[in-house]
N, C-alpha and C. Protein backbone atom coordinates (compact mmCIF):
# COMPACT_ATOMS: atom_id res chain seq x y z
N MET A 1 -25.85 12.56 -44.32
CA MET A 1 -26.83 11.90 -43.45
C MET A 1 -28.08 12.80 -43.34
N ASN A 2 -29.26 12.24 -43.67
CA ASN A 2 -30.47 13.05 -43.61
C ASN A 2 -31.03 13.11 -42.19
N ARG A 3 -32.06 13.93 -42.06
CA ARG A 3 -32.62 14.18 -40.74
C ARG A 3 -33.20 12.92 -40.10
N VAL A 4 -33.83 12.07 -40.91
CA VAL A 4 -34.42 10.83 -40.40
C VAL A 4 -33.34 9.91 -39.82
N GLN A 5 -32.20 9.81 -40.53
CA GLN A 5 -31.11 8.96 -40.07
C GLN A 5 -30.53 9.49 -38.76
N ILE A 6 -30.42 10.81 -38.66
CA ILE A 6 -29.89 11.42 -37.43
C ILE A 6 -30.80 11.11 -36.25
N ILE A 7 -32.13 11.25 -36.50
CA ILE A 7 -33.10 10.97 -35.43
C ILE A 7 -33.03 9.50 -35.01
N CYS A 8 -32.91 8.61 -35.99
CA CYS A 8 -32.84 7.17 -35.69
C CYS A 8 -31.60 6.84 -34.86
N ARG A 9 -30.50 7.44 -35.24
CA ARG A 9 -29.26 7.19 -34.50
C ARG A 9 -29.35 7.73 -33.07
N SER A 10 -29.99 8.86 -32.93
CA SER A 10 -30.14 9.46 -31.60
C SER A 10 -31.01 8.58 -30.71
N ILE A 11 -32.10 8.06 -31.31
CA ILE A 11 -32.99 7.16 -30.57
C ILE A 11 -32.25 5.91 -30.15
N MET A 12 -31.44 5.35 -31.08
CA MET A 12 -30.69 4.14 -30.79
C MET A 12 -29.69 4.38 -29.65
N ALA A 13 -29.04 5.54 -29.65
CA ALA A 13 -28.08 5.87 -28.60
C ALA A 13 -28.75 5.94 -27.24
N VAL A 14 -29.96 6.53 -27.21
CA VAL A 14 -30.70 6.64 -25.96
C VAL A 14 -31.11 5.26 -25.47
N VAL A 15 -31.57 4.41 -26.40
CA VAL A 15 -31.98 3.05 -26.04
C VAL A 15 -30.81 2.27 -25.45
N LEU A 16 -29.62 2.39 -26.08
CA LEU A 16 -28.43 1.70 -25.59
C LEU A 16 -28.03 2.21 -24.21
N MET A 17 -28.14 3.52 -24.03
CA MET A 17 -27.79 4.09 -22.72
C MET A 17 -28.73 3.58 -21.63
N ILE A 18 -30.02 3.52 -21.94
CA ILE A 18 -30.99 3.02 -20.97
C ILE A 18 -30.69 1.57 -20.63
N ALA A 19 -30.37 0.78 -21.65
CA ALA A 19 -30.05 -0.64 -21.43
C ALA A 19 -28.81 -0.78 -20.55
N MET A 20 -27.80 0.06 -20.82
CA MET A 20 -26.56 0.00 -20.04
C MET A 20 -26.82 0.37 -18.59
N LEU A 21 -27.61 1.42 -18.36
CA LEU A 21 -27.92 1.84 -17.00
C LEU A 21 -28.71 0.77 -16.26
N ALA A 22 -29.59 0.10 -16.99
CA ALA A 22 -30.38 -0.98 -16.38
C ALA A 22 -29.47 -2.12 -15.96
N THR A 23 -28.48 -2.42 -16.80
CA THR A 23 -27.54 -3.49 -16.50
C THR A 23 -26.71 -3.14 -15.27
N VAL A 24 -26.22 -1.89 -15.24
CA VAL A 24 -25.43 -1.43 -14.09
C VAL A 24 -26.26 -1.50 -12.81
N ALA A 25 -27.51 -1.07 -12.89
CA ALA A 25 -28.38 -1.09 -11.72
C ALA A 25 -28.62 -2.52 -11.24
N ALA A 26 -28.80 -3.43 -12.20
CA ALA A 26 -29.01 -4.84 -11.85
C ALA A 26 -27.76 -5.42 -11.21
N ASP A 27 -26.59 -5.09 -11.77
CA ASP A 27 -25.33 -5.58 -11.22
C ASP A 27 -25.12 -5.03 -9.81
N LEU A 28 -25.44 -3.75 -9.61
CA LEU A 28 -25.28 -3.14 -8.30
C LEU A 28 -26.21 -3.78 -7.28
N ALA A 29 -27.45 -4.04 -7.70
CA ALA A 29 -28.41 -4.68 -6.80
C ALA A 29 -27.93 -6.06 -6.39
N THR A 30 -27.36 -6.79 -7.35
CA THR A 30 -26.83 -8.13 -7.06
C THR A 30 -25.66 -8.04 -6.09
N LEU A 31 -24.77 -7.07 -6.34
CA LEU A 31 -23.60 -6.89 -5.48
C LEU A 31 -24.01 -6.53 -4.06
N GLN A 32 -25.00 -5.63 -3.94
CA GLN A 32 -25.47 -5.22 -2.62
C GLN A 32 -26.11 -6.40 -1.88
N LYS A 33 -26.82 -7.23 -2.62
CA LYS A 33 -27.45 -8.40 -2.02
C LYS A 33 -26.38 -9.36 -1.51
N GLN A 34 -25.34 -9.58 -2.33
CA GLN A 34 -24.25 -10.48 -1.92
C GLN A 34 -23.50 -9.92 -0.71
N ALA A 35 -23.24 -8.60 -0.73
CA ALA A 35 -22.52 -7.98 0.37
C ALA A 35 -23.32 -8.07 1.67
N THR A 36 -24.61 -7.82 1.58
CA THR A 36 -25.47 -7.89 2.76
C THR A 36 -25.54 -9.31 3.31
N ALA A 37 -25.41 -10.29 2.41
CA ALA A 37 -25.44 -11.70 2.83
C ALA A 37 -24.11 -12.14 3.44
N GLY A 38 -23.09 -11.26 3.39
CA GLY A 38 -21.84 -11.59 4.05
C GLY A 38 -20.70 -11.99 3.14
N ASP A 39 -20.84 -11.81 1.84
CA ASP A 39 -19.78 -12.15 0.90
C ASP A 39 -18.66 -11.10 1.01
N ALA A 40 -17.50 -11.50 1.47
CA ALA A 40 -16.40 -10.56 1.72
C ALA A 40 -15.93 -9.87 0.45
N ARG A 41 -15.84 -10.62 -0.64
CA ARG A 41 -15.40 -10.02 -1.91
C ARG A 41 -16.41 -8.98 -2.38
N ALA A 42 -17.69 -9.27 -2.25
CA ALA A 42 -18.73 -8.30 -2.63
C ALA A 42 -18.67 -7.07 -1.73
N GLN A 43 -18.44 -7.29 -0.45
CA GLN A 43 -18.33 -6.17 0.48
C GLN A 43 -17.15 -5.26 0.10
N TYR A 44 -16.04 -5.88 -0.23
CA TYR A 44 -14.87 -5.10 -0.64
C TYR A 44 -15.15 -4.33 -1.93
N ASN A 45 -15.71 -5.02 -2.92
CA ASN A 45 -16.00 -4.37 -4.21
C ASN A 45 -16.99 -3.21 -4.05
N LEU A 46 -17.97 -3.41 -3.18
CA LEU A 46 -18.95 -2.35 -2.93
C LEU A 46 -18.25 -1.15 -2.25
N GLY A 47 -17.33 -1.46 -1.35
CA GLY A 47 -16.57 -0.40 -0.70
C GLY A 47 -15.76 0.41 -1.70
N VAL A 48 -15.15 -0.28 -2.66
CA VAL A 48 -14.37 0.40 -3.70
C VAL A 48 -15.28 1.30 -4.54
N MET A 49 -16.47 0.82 -4.86
CA MET A 49 -17.41 1.62 -5.66
C MET A 49 -17.80 2.89 -4.91
N TYR A 50 -18.09 2.76 -3.61
CA TYR A 50 -18.44 3.94 -2.82
C TYR A 50 -17.24 4.88 -2.66
N LEU A 51 -16.05 4.31 -2.52
CA LEU A 51 -14.85 5.12 -2.32
C LEU A 51 -14.58 6.02 -3.52
N HIS A 52 -14.73 5.45 -4.72
CA HIS A 52 -14.37 6.19 -5.93
C HIS A 52 -15.57 6.72 -6.70
N GLY A 53 -16.79 6.40 -6.23
CA GLY A 53 -17.97 6.86 -6.95
C GLY A 53 -18.13 6.19 -8.30
N ARG A 54 -17.85 4.91 -8.35
CA ARG A 54 -17.95 4.15 -9.60
C ARG A 54 -19.30 3.44 -9.68
N GLY A 55 -20.18 3.92 -10.54
CA GLY A 55 -21.49 3.29 -10.71
C GLY A 55 -22.44 3.60 -9.57
N ILE A 56 -22.03 4.49 -8.70
CA ILE A 56 -22.85 4.83 -7.54
C ILE A 56 -22.34 6.17 -7.00
N ALA A 57 -23.19 6.91 -6.30
CA ALA A 57 -22.75 8.19 -5.75
C ALA A 57 -21.64 7.96 -4.74
N GLN A 58 -20.58 8.75 -4.84
CA GLN A 58 -19.46 8.60 -3.92
C GLN A 58 -19.91 8.85 -2.48
N ASP A 59 -19.54 7.94 -1.59
CA ASP A 59 -19.89 8.06 -0.18
C ASP A 59 -18.82 7.32 0.62
N LYS A 60 -17.85 8.07 1.12
CA LYS A 60 -16.70 7.44 1.76
C LYS A 60 -17.05 6.81 3.10
N SER A 61 -18.09 7.32 3.76
CA SER A 61 -18.51 6.67 5.01
C SER A 61 -19.09 5.29 4.73
N GLN A 62 -19.76 5.16 3.60
CA GLN A 62 -20.26 3.84 3.19
C GLN A 62 -19.09 2.93 2.79
N ALA A 63 -18.08 3.53 2.17
CA ALA A 63 -16.89 2.75 1.82
C ALA A 63 -16.26 2.17 3.08
N VAL A 64 -16.15 3.00 4.12
CA VAL A 64 -15.59 2.53 5.39
C VAL A 64 -16.44 1.39 5.95
N LYS A 65 -17.74 1.57 5.91
CA LYS A 65 -18.66 0.55 6.44
C LYS A 65 -18.42 -0.81 5.77
N TRP A 66 -18.34 -0.83 4.44
CA TRP A 66 -18.19 -2.10 3.73
C TRP A 66 -16.77 -2.66 3.84
N PHE A 67 -15.79 -1.78 3.86
CA PHE A 67 -14.41 -2.24 4.07
C PHE A 67 -14.26 -2.89 5.44
N GLN A 68 -14.92 -2.32 6.45
CA GLN A 68 -14.85 -2.88 7.79
C GLN A 68 -15.41 -4.29 7.83
N GLN A 69 -16.52 -4.49 7.12
CA GLN A 69 -17.12 -5.83 7.13
C GLN A 69 -16.24 -6.84 6.39
N ALA A 70 -15.65 -6.40 5.28
CA ALA A 70 -14.76 -7.30 4.54
C ALA A 70 -13.48 -7.54 5.32
N ALA A 71 -12.96 -6.49 5.96
CA ALA A 71 -11.71 -6.61 6.72
C ALA A 71 -11.88 -7.56 7.90
N ALA A 72 -13.04 -7.51 8.53
CA ALA A 72 -13.31 -8.39 9.67
C ALA A 72 -13.30 -9.85 9.27
N GLN A 73 -13.49 -10.10 7.98
CA GLN A 73 -13.45 -11.48 7.46
C GLN A 73 -12.07 -11.83 6.89
N GLY A 74 -11.11 -10.91 7.08
CA GLY A 74 -9.74 -11.21 6.68
C GLY A 74 -9.36 -10.76 5.29
N MET A 75 -10.19 -9.96 4.63
CA MET A 75 -9.87 -9.46 3.29
C MET A 75 -8.73 -8.45 3.41
N VAL A 76 -7.55 -8.86 2.94
CA VAL A 76 -6.35 -8.07 3.19
C VAL A 76 -6.39 -6.69 2.55
N GLN A 77 -6.92 -6.57 1.33
CA GLN A 77 -6.97 -5.27 0.68
C GLN A 77 -7.92 -4.33 1.41
N ALA A 78 -8.99 -4.89 1.97
CA ALA A 78 -9.93 -4.07 2.75
C ALA A 78 -9.25 -3.59 4.03
N GLN A 79 -8.46 -4.45 4.65
CA GLN A 79 -7.74 -4.06 5.85
C GLN A 79 -6.76 -2.92 5.54
N TYR A 80 -6.06 -3.05 4.43
CA TYR A 80 -5.11 -2.01 4.03
C TYR A 80 -5.83 -0.69 3.74
N ASN A 81 -6.92 -0.76 2.99
CA ASN A 81 -7.67 0.45 2.66
C ASN A 81 -8.22 1.14 3.91
N LEU A 82 -8.70 0.34 4.85
CA LEU A 82 -9.20 0.90 6.10
C LEU A 82 -8.08 1.64 6.84
N GLY A 83 -6.90 1.02 6.87
CA GLY A 83 -5.77 1.68 7.51
C GLY A 83 -5.49 3.03 6.88
N ASN A 84 -5.53 3.07 5.56
CA ASN A 84 -5.30 4.33 4.85
C ASN A 84 -6.36 5.37 5.22
N MET A 85 -7.62 4.95 5.26
CA MET A 85 -8.70 5.90 5.50
C MET A 85 -8.66 6.43 6.93
N TYR A 86 -8.32 5.57 7.90
CA TYR A 86 -8.18 6.04 9.27
C TYR A 86 -6.96 6.95 9.42
N ARG A 87 -5.91 6.64 8.73
CA ARG A 87 -4.68 7.45 8.80
C ARG A 87 -4.93 8.85 8.23
N GLN A 88 -5.70 8.91 7.14
CA GLN A 88 -5.92 10.18 6.45
C GLN A 88 -7.17 10.91 6.94
N GLY A 89 -8.00 10.24 7.74
CA GLY A 89 -9.28 10.85 8.13
C GLY A 89 -10.19 10.99 6.93
N ASP A 90 -10.23 9.97 6.11
CA ASP A 90 -10.97 9.99 4.85
C ASP A 90 -12.23 9.16 4.98
N GLY A 91 -13.38 9.84 5.17
CA GLY A 91 -14.64 9.12 5.35
C GLY A 91 -14.88 8.68 6.78
N VAL A 92 -13.92 8.99 7.64
CA VAL A 92 -13.99 8.59 9.04
C VAL A 92 -13.05 9.51 9.81
N ALA A 93 -13.28 9.67 11.12
CA ALA A 93 -12.39 10.51 11.93
C ALA A 93 -10.97 9.95 11.92
N ARG A 94 -9.98 10.83 11.80
CA ARG A 94 -8.59 10.39 11.77
C ARG A 94 -8.25 9.68 13.08
N ASN A 95 -7.65 8.49 12.95
CA ASN A 95 -7.36 7.67 14.13
C ASN A 95 -6.15 6.80 13.83
N ASN A 96 -5.00 7.20 14.34
CA ASN A 96 -3.77 6.46 14.05
C ASN A 96 -3.75 5.08 14.70
N GLN A 97 -4.43 4.94 15.83
CA GLN A 97 -4.49 3.62 16.47
C GLN A 97 -5.27 2.64 15.61
N ALA A 98 -6.38 3.11 15.03
CA ALA A 98 -7.17 2.25 14.14
C ALA A 98 -6.38 1.94 12.87
N ALA A 99 -5.65 2.94 12.37
CA ALA A 99 -4.81 2.71 11.18
C ALA A 99 -3.79 1.63 11.47
N ALA A 100 -3.14 1.72 12.64
CA ALA A 100 -2.14 0.73 13.02
C ALA A 100 -2.76 -0.67 13.15
N LYS A 101 -3.96 -0.71 13.73
CA LYS A 101 -4.65 -2.00 13.91
C LYS A 101 -4.87 -2.69 12.57
N TRP A 102 -5.40 -1.95 11.59
CA TRP A 102 -5.73 -2.58 10.32
C TRP A 102 -4.49 -2.85 9.48
N TRP A 103 -3.50 -1.95 9.54
CA TRP A 103 -2.27 -2.22 8.82
C TRP A 103 -1.54 -3.42 9.42
N GLN A 104 -1.64 -3.57 10.74
CA GLN A 104 -1.03 -4.71 11.41
C GLN A 104 -1.60 -6.02 10.86
N GLN A 105 -2.92 -6.05 10.70
CA GLN A 105 -3.55 -7.27 10.21
C GLN A 105 -3.19 -7.55 8.75
N ALA A 106 -3.15 -6.48 7.95
CA ALA A 106 -2.76 -6.65 6.55
C ALA A 106 -1.29 -7.03 6.44
N ALA A 107 -0.46 -6.42 7.27
CA ALA A 107 0.98 -6.71 7.25
C ALA A 107 1.24 -8.16 7.62
N ALA A 108 0.48 -8.67 8.60
CA ALA A 108 0.65 -10.06 9.02
C ALA A 108 0.31 -11.04 7.91
N GLN A 109 -0.51 -10.57 6.95
CA GLN A 109 -0.85 -11.41 5.80
C GLN A 109 0.11 -11.21 4.64
N GLY A 110 1.12 -10.38 4.86
CA GLY A 110 2.17 -10.22 3.85
C GLY A 110 2.01 -9.05 2.91
N MET A 111 1.04 -8.16 3.15
CA MET A 111 0.89 -7.01 2.25
C MET A 111 2.05 -6.05 2.45
N VAL A 112 2.83 -5.86 1.40
CA VAL A 112 4.07 -5.11 1.51
C VAL A 112 3.85 -3.65 1.88
N GLN A 113 2.84 -2.99 1.28
CA GLN A 113 2.59 -1.58 1.60
C GLN A 113 2.19 -1.41 3.06
N ALA A 114 1.40 -2.35 3.58
CA ALA A 114 0.99 -2.28 4.98
C ALA A 114 2.19 -2.49 5.90
N GLN A 115 3.09 -3.38 5.52
CA GLN A 115 4.29 -3.62 6.31
C GLN A 115 5.13 -2.36 6.42
N HIS A 116 5.32 -1.68 5.30
CA HIS A 116 6.11 -0.45 5.33
C HIS A 116 5.41 0.64 6.13
N ASN A 117 4.11 0.81 5.90
CA ASN A 117 3.36 1.84 6.64
C ASN A 117 3.38 1.58 8.14
N LEU A 118 3.25 0.31 8.52
CA LEU A 118 3.27 -0.05 9.94
C LEU A 118 4.65 0.26 10.52
N GLY A 119 5.69 -0.03 9.74
CA GLY A 119 7.03 0.29 10.19
C GLY A 119 7.21 1.78 10.44
N LEU A 120 6.62 2.59 9.58
CA LEU A 120 6.70 4.05 9.75
C LEU A 120 6.01 4.49 11.03
N LEU A 121 4.88 3.86 11.36
CA LEU A 121 4.18 4.21 12.59
C LEU A 121 5.02 3.84 13.81
N TYR A 122 5.65 2.67 13.77
CA TYR A 122 6.50 2.27 14.90
C TYR A 122 7.72 3.18 15.01
N LYS A 123 8.21 3.65 13.90
CA LYS A 123 9.37 4.54 13.94
C LYS A 123 9.02 5.88 14.57
N SER A 124 7.84 6.40 14.21
CA SER A 124 7.44 7.73 14.70
C SER A 124 6.68 7.68 16.02
N GLY A 125 6.14 6.48 16.36
CA GLY A 125 5.34 6.37 17.58
C GLY A 125 3.94 6.92 17.43
N GLU A 126 3.40 6.90 16.23
CA GLU A 126 2.03 7.38 15.99
C GLU A 126 1.08 6.18 15.95
N GLY A 127 0.12 6.17 16.86
CA GLY A 127 -0.86 5.09 16.91
C GLY A 127 -0.37 3.85 17.63
N VAL A 128 0.93 3.79 17.89
CA VAL A 128 1.55 2.67 18.61
C VAL A 128 2.67 3.25 19.47
N SER A 129 3.12 2.47 20.46
CA SER A 129 4.26 2.90 21.23
C SER A 129 5.50 2.88 20.34
N GLN A 130 6.28 3.93 20.38
CA GLN A 130 7.46 4.00 19.52
C GLN A 130 8.39 2.82 19.81
N ASP A 131 8.77 2.12 18.75
CA ASP A 131 9.60 0.93 18.91
C ASP A 131 10.41 0.75 17.63
N LYS A 132 11.65 1.20 17.64
CA LYS A 132 12.47 1.16 16.43
C LYS A 132 12.80 -0.28 16.00
N SER A 133 12.84 -1.20 16.98
CA SER A 133 13.12 -2.60 16.61
C SER A 133 11.93 -3.19 15.84
N GLN A 134 10.70 -2.77 16.21
CA GLN A 134 9.53 -3.20 15.45
C GLN A 134 9.52 -2.55 14.07
N ALA A 135 9.93 -1.29 14.01
CA ALA A 135 10.04 -0.62 12.72
C ALA A 135 11.02 -1.39 11.83
N LEU A 136 12.15 -1.77 12.41
CA LEU A 136 13.15 -2.54 11.67
C LEU A 136 12.56 -3.84 11.14
N LYS A 137 11.83 -4.54 11.98
CA LYS A 137 11.21 -5.82 11.61
C LYS A 137 10.31 -5.67 10.39
N TRP A 138 9.43 -4.67 10.42
CA TRP A 138 8.47 -4.53 9.33
C TRP A 138 9.12 -3.97 8.07
N PHE A 139 10.11 -3.09 8.24
CA PHE A 139 10.85 -2.63 7.06
C PHE A 139 11.58 -3.79 6.40
N GLN A 140 12.15 -4.67 7.21
CA GLN A 140 12.88 -5.82 6.66
C GLN A 140 11.94 -6.72 5.86
N GLN A 141 10.75 -6.96 6.39
CA GLN A 141 9.82 -7.84 5.69
C GLN A 141 9.38 -7.23 4.36
N ALA A 142 9.12 -5.92 4.37
CA ALA A 142 8.72 -5.25 3.12
C ALA A 142 9.88 -5.17 2.15
N ALA A 143 11.08 -4.88 2.68
CA ALA A 143 12.27 -4.77 1.82
C ALA A 143 12.56 -6.10 1.14
N ALA A 144 12.34 -7.20 1.85
CA ALA A 144 12.59 -8.53 1.28
C ALA A 144 11.62 -8.87 0.17
N GLN A 145 10.49 -8.12 0.11
CA GLN A 145 9.54 -8.31 -0.99
C GLN A 145 9.79 -7.33 -2.13
N GLY A 146 10.88 -6.56 -2.01
CA GLY A 146 11.27 -5.68 -3.10
C GLY A 146 10.74 -4.26 -3.03
N SER A 147 10.22 -3.85 -1.88
CA SER A 147 9.69 -2.50 -1.75
C SER A 147 10.84 -1.49 -1.66
N ALA A 148 10.97 -0.65 -2.65
CA ALA A 148 12.03 0.36 -2.64
C ALA A 148 11.87 1.36 -1.48
N PRO A 149 10.64 1.85 -1.19
CA PRO A 149 10.48 2.74 -0.04
C PRO A 149 10.91 2.08 1.27
N ALA A 150 10.59 0.79 1.44
CA ALA A 150 10.99 0.08 2.66
C ALA A 150 12.50 -0.11 2.70
N GLN A 151 13.11 -0.38 1.56
CA GLN A 151 14.56 -0.51 1.50
C GLN A 151 15.24 0.79 1.89
N PHE A 152 14.69 1.91 1.43
CA PHE A 152 15.21 3.21 1.81
C PHE A 152 15.07 3.43 3.31
N SER A 153 13.88 3.14 3.85
CA SER A 153 13.63 3.33 5.29
C SER A 153 14.53 2.43 6.12
N LEU A 154 14.76 1.23 5.65
CA LEU A 154 15.64 0.29 6.36
C LEU A 154 17.06 0.83 6.39
N GLY A 155 17.50 1.40 5.27
CA GLY A 155 18.82 2.00 5.22
C GLY A 155 18.97 3.12 6.24
N LEU A 156 17.92 3.92 6.42
CA LEU A 156 17.97 5.00 7.40
C LEU A 156 18.19 4.48 8.81
N LEU A 157 17.49 3.40 9.17
CA LEU A 157 17.65 2.85 10.52
C LEU A 157 19.07 2.36 10.74
N TYR A 158 19.64 1.69 9.73
CA TYR A 158 21.02 1.21 9.88
C TYR A 158 22.00 2.38 9.95
N ALA A 159 21.76 3.42 9.18
CA ALA A 159 22.65 4.57 9.20
C ALA A 159 22.59 5.31 10.53
N GLU A 160 21.39 5.36 11.12
CA GLU A 160 21.21 6.08 12.37
C GLU A 160 21.49 5.22 13.60
N GLY A 161 21.56 3.89 13.39
CA GLY A 161 21.73 3.00 14.52
C GLY A 161 20.50 2.98 15.41
N LYS A 162 19.32 3.02 14.79
CA LYS A 162 18.05 3.01 15.52
C LYS A 162 17.37 1.65 15.34
N GLY A 163 17.16 0.95 16.46
CA GLY A 163 16.54 -0.37 16.40
C GLY A 163 17.54 -1.45 16.07
N THR A 164 18.77 -1.07 15.82
CA THR A 164 19.84 -2.00 15.46
C THR A 164 21.17 -1.27 15.62
N ALA A 165 22.24 -2.04 15.57
CA ALA A 165 23.56 -1.40 15.66
C ALA A 165 23.81 -0.57 14.40
N GLN A 166 24.48 0.55 14.56
CA GLN A 166 24.79 1.39 13.40
C GLN A 166 25.69 0.63 12.44
N ASP A 167 25.35 0.67 11.17
CA ASP A 167 26.08 -0.11 10.17
C ASP A 167 25.93 0.60 8.83
N LEU A 168 26.91 1.41 8.48
CA LEU A 168 26.82 2.21 7.26
C LEU A 168 26.96 1.35 6.00
N VAL A 169 27.66 0.23 6.11
CA VAL A 169 27.77 -0.68 4.96
C VAL A 169 26.40 -1.25 4.60
N THR A 170 25.67 -1.69 5.62
CA THR A 170 24.33 -2.24 5.38
C THR A 170 23.38 -1.14 4.93
N ALA A 171 23.52 0.06 5.47
CA ALA A 171 22.70 1.18 5.02
C ALA A 171 22.95 1.42 3.53
N TYR A 172 24.22 1.44 3.15
CA TYR A 172 24.58 1.64 1.74
C TYR A 172 23.95 0.55 0.88
N LEU A 173 24.03 -0.69 1.35
CA LEU A 173 23.46 -1.82 0.61
C LEU A 173 21.99 -1.58 0.27
N TRP A 174 21.21 -1.21 1.30
CA TRP A 174 19.77 -1.05 1.06
C TRP A 174 19.46 0.19 0.21
N TRP A 175 20.24 1.23 0.38
CA TRP A 175 20.04 2.41 -0.46
C TRP A 175 20.40 2.12 -1.91
N GLU A 176 21.44 1.32 -2.10
CA GLU A 176 21.83 0.94 -3.46
C GLU A 176 20.71 0.14 -4.13
N LEU A 177 20.12 -0.79 -3.38
CA LEU A 177 19.04 -1.62 -3.93
C LEU A 177 17.81 -0.77 -4.26
N ALA A 178 17.48 0.17 -3.36
CA ALA A 178 16.34 1.05 -3.62
C ALA A 178 16.63 1.97 -4.80
N ALA A 179 17.85 2.48 -4.87
CA ALA A 179 18.23 3.36 -5.98
C ALA A 179 18.15 2.63 -7.31
N ALA A 180 18.48 1.35 -7.31
CA ALA A 180 18.43 0.55 -8.54
C ALA A 180 17.01 0.42 -9.06
N GLN A 181 16.03 0.66 -8.17
CA GLN A 181 14.62 0.62 -8.57
C GLN A 181 14.07 2.02 -8.86
N GLY A 182 14.97 2.99 -8.87
CA GLY A 182 14.54 4.34 -9.23
C GLY A 182 14.22 5.26 -8.07
N HIS A 183 14.55 4.86 -6.85
CA HIS A 183 14.28 5.70 -5.67
C HIS A 183 15.35 6.78 -5.60
N LYS A 184 14.99 8.00 -5.96
CA LYS A 184 15.97 9.08 -6.10
C LYS A 184 16.57 9.52 -4.77
N THR A 185 15.76 9.56 -3.72
CA THR A 185 16.28 9.96 -2.41
C THR A 185 17.27 8.93 -1.89
N ALA A 186 16.99 7.66 -2.14
CA ALA A 186 17.92 6.60 -1.74
C ALA A 186 19.25 6.77 -2.48
N ALA A 187 19.18 7.14 -3.74
CA ALA A 187 20.40 7.34 -4.52
C ALA A 187 21.25 8.46 -3.92
N LYS A 188 20.62 9.52 -3.47
CA LYS A 188 21.34 10.64 -2.86
C LYS A 188 22.00 10.21 -1.55
N HIS A 189 21.27 9.46 -0.74
CA HIS A 189 21.83 8.97 0.52
C HIS A 189 22.98 8.00 0.26
N ARG A 190 22.81 7.14 -0.73
CA ARG A 190 23.88 6.19 -1.08
C ARG A 190 25.15 6.94 -1.46
N ASP A 191 25.01 7.97 -2.26
CA ASP A 191 26.18 8.72 -2.73
C ASP A 191 26.89 9.44 -1.57
N VAL A 192 26.11 9.93 -0.61
CA VAL A 192 26.71 10.57 0.57
C VAL A 192 27.43 9.52 1.42
N ALA A 193 26.78 8.37 1.61
CA ALA A 193 27.37 7.30 2.43
C ALA A 193 28.69 6.82 1.83
N LYS A 194 28.74 6.79 0.51
CA LYS A 194 29.94 6.31 -0.18
C LYS A 194 31.17 7.11 0.23
N GLN A 195 30.99 8.37 0.50
CA GLN A 195 32.11 9.24 0.87
C GLN A 195 32.67 8.90 2.25
N HIS A 196 31.92 8.14 3.04
CA HIS A 196 32.34 7.82 4.41
C HIS A 196 32.77 6.36 4.55
N LEU A 197 32.83 5.64 3.45
CA LEU A 197 33.23 4.23 3.49
C LEU A 197 34.65 4.06 2.97
N THR A 198 35.37 3.16 3.59
CA THR A 198 36.71 2.83 3.11
C THR A 198 36.59 1.98 1.84
N ASP A 199 37.70 1.81 1.14
CA ASP A 199 37.68 0.97 -0.06
C ASP A 199 37.24 -0.45 0.29
N GLU A 200 37.71 -0.93 1.42
CA GLU A 200 37.36 -2.28 1.85
C GLU A 200 35.86 -2.38 2.14
N GLN A 201 35.32 -1.38 2.81
CA GLN A 201 33.89 -1.36 3.12
C GLN A 201 33.06 -1.25 1.84
N MET A 202 33.52 -0.46 0.89
CA MET A 202 32.81 -0.33 -0.37
C MET A 202 32.77 -1.65 -1.12
N ALA A 203 33.88 -2.34 -1.11
CA ALA A 203 33.94 -3.64 -1.79
C ALA A 203 32.94 -4.61 -1.16
N GLU A 204 32.86 -4.58 0.17
CA GLU A 204 31.91 -5.45 0.86
C GLU A 204 30.48 -5.05 0.54
N ALA A 205 30.20 -3.75 0.53
CA ALA A 205 28.85 -3.27 0.24
C ALA A 205 28.41 -3.66 -1.16
N VAL A 206 29.30 -3.53 -2.12
CA VAL A 206 28.99 -3.89 -3.51
C VAL A 206 28.75 -5.39 -3.63
N ARG A 207 29.60 -6.18 -2.97
CA ARG A 207 29.44 -7.64 -3.02
C ARG A 207 28.11 -8.06 -2.41
N ARG A 208 27.78 -7.49 -1.27
CA ARG A 208 26.54 -7.86 -0.59
C ARG A 208 25.31 -7.39 -1.35
N SER A 209 25.38 -6.22 -1.94
CA SER A 209 24.23 -5.72 -2.70
C SER A 209 23.99 -6.58 -3.93
N ARG A 210 25.07 -7.03 -4.56
CA ARG A 210 24.93 -7.91 -5.72
C ARG A 210 24.34 -9.25 -5.31
N GLN A 211 24.83 -9.77 -4.19
CA GLN A 211 24.33 -11.04 -3.68
C GLN A 211 22.85 -10.94 -3.31
N CYS A 212 22.50 -9.82 -2.70
CA CYS A 212 21.11 -9.60 -2.29
C CYS A 212 20.19 -9.51 -3.51
N SER A 213 20.62 -8.76 -4.50
CA SER A 213 19.82 -8.59 -5.71
C SER A 213 19.64 -9.91 -6.44
N GLN A 214 20.70 -10.69 -6.54
CA GLN A 214 20.65 -11.97 -7.26
C GLN A 214 19.79 -12.99 -6.54
N SER A 215 19.65 -12.84 -5.22
CA SER A 215 18.82 -13.77 -4.45
C SER A 215 17.40 -13.26 -4.28
N ASN A 216 17.06 -12.21 -5.04
CA ASN A 216 15.73 -11.60 -4.95
C ASN A 216 15.45 -11.10 -3.53
N TYR A 217 16.47 -10.48 -2.94
CA TYR A 217 16.39 -9.83 -1.63
C TYR A 217 16.26 -10.82 -0.46
N GLN A 218 16.61 -12.08 -0.70
CA GLN A 218 16.47 -13.06 0.36
C GLN A 218 17.78 -13.34 1.10
N ASN A 219 18.91 -13.01 0.50
CA ASN A 219 20.21 -13.29 1.11
C ASN A 219 20.99 -11.97 1.17
N CYS A 220 20.61 -11.14 2.13
CA CYS A 220 21.19 -9.80 2.22
C CYS A 220 22.01 -9.61 3.50
């Protein structure tokens, strides 16, 4: 390749880069206009861009601002992200009550991660009044959607008799289901529980876990 060809290719690369940047800028301007006009999806997308610094300088406080606007319109992913940011103090002052508020709204719309996170808050009493029965409720909803972490957490409540009557067979059931999805800590708890179950209890636990799995966690 001669010098002229190298120069031509370099010029072409610069031209393409300028064109690409112009396109990104135009797309960003359009997105900002839509978000400012109240489009919830645009508000959420703009929040994601600010959160991760995609196509724009990273600014987590701006991410919070746009997630709040989208969340107020019922955008479930924005509600969940806001909960995470308030819980972690990411782009905003750490506030467990605000985290609980937004996870509550996302959980009510069926978001499995929010359901499990909300259950953890109720279990520990962070941001909400401690209520193991509420923790049980949200773990159950997430577990029924196949969340292995929620299935593990649900097993713990049954094993400890917190928020429900102590039931090691049911604890084993949920740990077995979580372990089947690769949850290593659940597998360890299941193996320990097995040592404390009678043959009859083990047979029941195996039958119920099979029934639960076959019903896609709906008949447990």
